[in-house]
Amino acid sequence: MALSAGTRLEQYEVLSHIGSGGMGEVYRAHDSKLERDVAIKVLPATFARDPERVARFKREAKLLASLNHPNIAAIYDLEECDGIHFLAMELVEGETLAERVAAGALPVRCRCARCSRSVSRLPMDWNTRTRRTSFTAT
């Protein structure tokens, strides 16, 4: 179901369409309660009629809401309004993955910085003073 600018879902007013994906449409919207712009991910109408798809959508929302990481958008809300299931989430400005890939490889300096940030987040094995890359239960 395509939403047009001005459509209201609870306290969210749709401003524009951002993109589409396998699990729905994404819109820029304004949260009138907290006075901020958010991203709204809407479950397609064909999926909204399938209880398994709705359950999957809700599980995804709960899983994402349990995570706190700078590379994962924060989940603000999980709602259903007039049969439309949607997530309200952090609006992250910038280029899309498709635009980033089309622009070509990242400069070496960027790749090194991103790699360094990723490695620094790995848990440290203080006995050997090395980073653990497998996370098996002991």
Protein backbone atom coordinates (compact mmCIF):
# COMPACT_ATOMS: atom_id res chain seq x y z
CA MET A 1 0.00 0.00 0.00
CA ALA A 2 1.59 3.25 -1.11
CA LEU A 3 1.09 6.14 1.29
CA SER A 4 0.95 9.71 0.10
CA ALA A 5 2.35 12.81 1.76
CA GLY A 6 -0.02 14.02 4.47
CA THR A 7 -1.24 10.53 5.43
CA ARG A 8 -1.45 10.15 9.22
CA LEU A 9 -0.62 6.96 11.10
CA GLU A 10 -1.22 7.66 14.79
CA GLN A 11 1.04 10.65 15.65
CA TYR A 12 3.11 10.24 12.48
CA GLU A 13 2.49 12.32 9.36
CA VAL A 14 4.02 10.94 6.17
CA LEU A 15 6.22 13.49 4.41
CA SER A 16 7.73 11.53 1.51
CA HIS A 17 8.64 8.09 0.18
CA ILE A 18 12.25 7.03 0.87
CA GLY A 19 12.49 3.56 -0.64
CA SER A 20 11.24 0.02 -1.01
CA GLY A 21 12.51 -3.33 0.12
CA GLY A 22 11.56 -6.96 0.49
CA MET A 23 9.63 -6.37 3.71
CA GLY A 24 7.95 -3.08 2.90
CA GLU A 25 7.97 0.55 1.98
CA VAL A 26 9.91 3.18 3.92
CA TYR A 27 8.72 6.76 4.36
CA ARG A 28 10.01 9.91 5.97
CA ALA A 29 7.45 11.06 8.53
CA HIS A 30 7.09 13.61 11.29
CA ASP A 31 6.33 12.55 14.87
CA SER A 32 3.99 15.25 16.21
CA LYS A 33 4.34 14.11 19.84
CA LEU A 34 8.14 14.32 20.00
CA GLU A 35 8.57 16.90 17.22
CA ARG A 36 11.13 14.95 15.20
CA ASP A 37 11.38 13.32 11.80
CA VAL A 38 11.44 9.52 11.72
CA ALA A 39 11.50 6.70 9.21
CA ILE A 40 8.31 4.65 8.94
CA LYS A 41 8.58 1.10 7.60
CA VAL A 42 5.18 -0.18 6.43
CA LEU A 43 4.40 -3.85 6.00
CA PRO A 44 2.86 -4.38 2.52
CA ALA A 45 -0.91 -5.03 2.50
CA THR A 46 -0.41 -8.51 1.00
CA PHE A 47 1.86 -9.41 3.95
CA ALA A 48 -0.47 -7.77 6.50
CA ARG A 49 -3.11 -10.39 5.66
CA ASP A 50 -0.69 -13.23 6.44
CA PRO A 51 -0.41 -13.92 10.21
CA GLU A 52 3.06 -15.48 9.77
CA ARG A 53 4.37 -12.38 7.98
CA VAL A 54 2.90 -10.10 10.65
CA ALA A 55 4.51 -12.24 13.37
CA ARG A 56 7.86 -12.06 11.53
CA PHE A 57 7.54 -8.27 11.23
CA LYS A 58 6.88 -8.01 14.98
CA ARG A 59 9.81 -10.33 15.81
CA GLU A 60 12.10 -8.19 13.63
CA ALA A 61 10.95 -5.05 15.46
CA LYS A 62 11.49 -6.60 18.89
CA LEU A 63 14.93 -7.91 17.93
CA LEU A 64 16.03 -4.55 16.52
CA ALA A 65 14.63 -2.73 19.54
CA SER A 66 16.79 -4.91 21.80
CA LEU A 67 19.98 -3.83 20.02
CA ASN A 68 22.01 -0.72 20.72
CA HIS A 69 24.68 -0.13 18.09
CA PRO A 70 25.74 2.95 16.12
CA ASN A 71 25.26 1.07 12.81
CA ILE A 72 21.69 -0.04 13.58
CA ALA A 73 18.77 2.39 13.47
CA ALA A 74 16.90 2.70 16.77
CA ILE A 75 13.30 1.46 16.87
CA TYR A 76 10.89 3.96 18.43
CA ASP A 77 7.51 2.32 17.94
CA LEU A 78 5.64 -0.73 16.59
CA GLU A 79 2.04 0.10 15.67
CA GLU A 80 -1.00 -0.95 13.71
CA CYS A 81 -3.38 1.73 12.46
CA ASP A 82 -6.42 0.95 10.29
CA GLY A 83 -4.92 -2.42 9.31
CA ILE A 84 -1.52 -0.91 8.45
CA HIS A 85 1.36 -2.45 10.40
CA PHE A 86 4.40 -0.19 10.71
CA LEU A 87 7.61 0.53 12.58
CA ALA A 88 8.71 4.02 13.52
CA MET A 89 12.48 4.18 13.62
CA GLU A 90 15.45 6.51 13.66
CA LEU A 91 15.79 8.46 10.43
CA VAL A 92 19.37 8.14 9.22
CA GLU A 93 20.33 10.75 6.65
CA GLY A 94 22.85 9.99 3.94
CA GLU A 95 23.37 7.93 0.85
CA THR A 96 21.69 4.59 0.33
CA LEU A 97 23.63 1.35 0.08
CA ALA A 98 22.90 1.29 -3.67
CA GLU A 99 24.35 4.81 -4.04
CA ARG A 100 27.43 3.85 -1.98
CA VAL A 101 28.06 0.75 -4.11
CA ALA A 102 27.56 2.70 -7.35
CA ALA A 103 30.15 5.25 -6.20
CA GLY A 104 32.85 2.55 -6.23
CA ALA A 105 35.30 1.31 -3.65
CA LEU A 106 35.94 3.29 -0.50
CA PRO A 107 39.33 5.01 -0.27
CA VAL A 108 41.91 2.98 1.68
CA ARG A 109 41.83 5.47 4.58
CA CYS A 110 38.06 4.96 5.02
CA ARG A 111 38.36 1.19 4.81
CA CYS A 112 41.12 1.15 7.44
CA ALA A 113 39.15 3.40 9.79
CA ARG A 114 36.00 1.27 9.47
CA CYS A 115 37.96 -1.94 9.98
CA SER A 116 39.66 -0.50 13.05
CA ARG A 117 36.31 0.55 14.56
CA SER A 118 34.88 -2.92 13.91
CA VAL A 119 37.85 -4.74 15.46
CA SER A 120 37.83 -2.48 18.51
CA ARG A 121 34.28 -3.67 19.25
CA LEU A 122 35.29 -7.34 19.38
CA PRO A 123 35.58 -8.75 22.89
CA MET A 124 39.12 -9.00 24.23
CA ASP A 125 40.52 -12.29 25.54
CA TRP A 126 42.55 -10.88 28.40
CA ASN A 127 44.47 -14.14 28.90
CA THR A 128 46.06 -13.97 25.46
CA ARG A 129 45.54 -10.24 24.83
CA THR A 130 43.93 -11.01 21.46
CA ARG A 131 40.52 -10.26 20.02
CA ARG A 132 38.09 -13.17 19.95
CA THR A 133 36.41 -13.70 16.63
CA SER A 134 34.32 -16.75 17.55
CA PHE A 135 31.60 -16.49 20.11
CA THR A 136 31.00 -20.06 21.23
CA ALA A 137 29.56 -20.64 24.69
CA THR A 138 32.03 -22.00 27.20
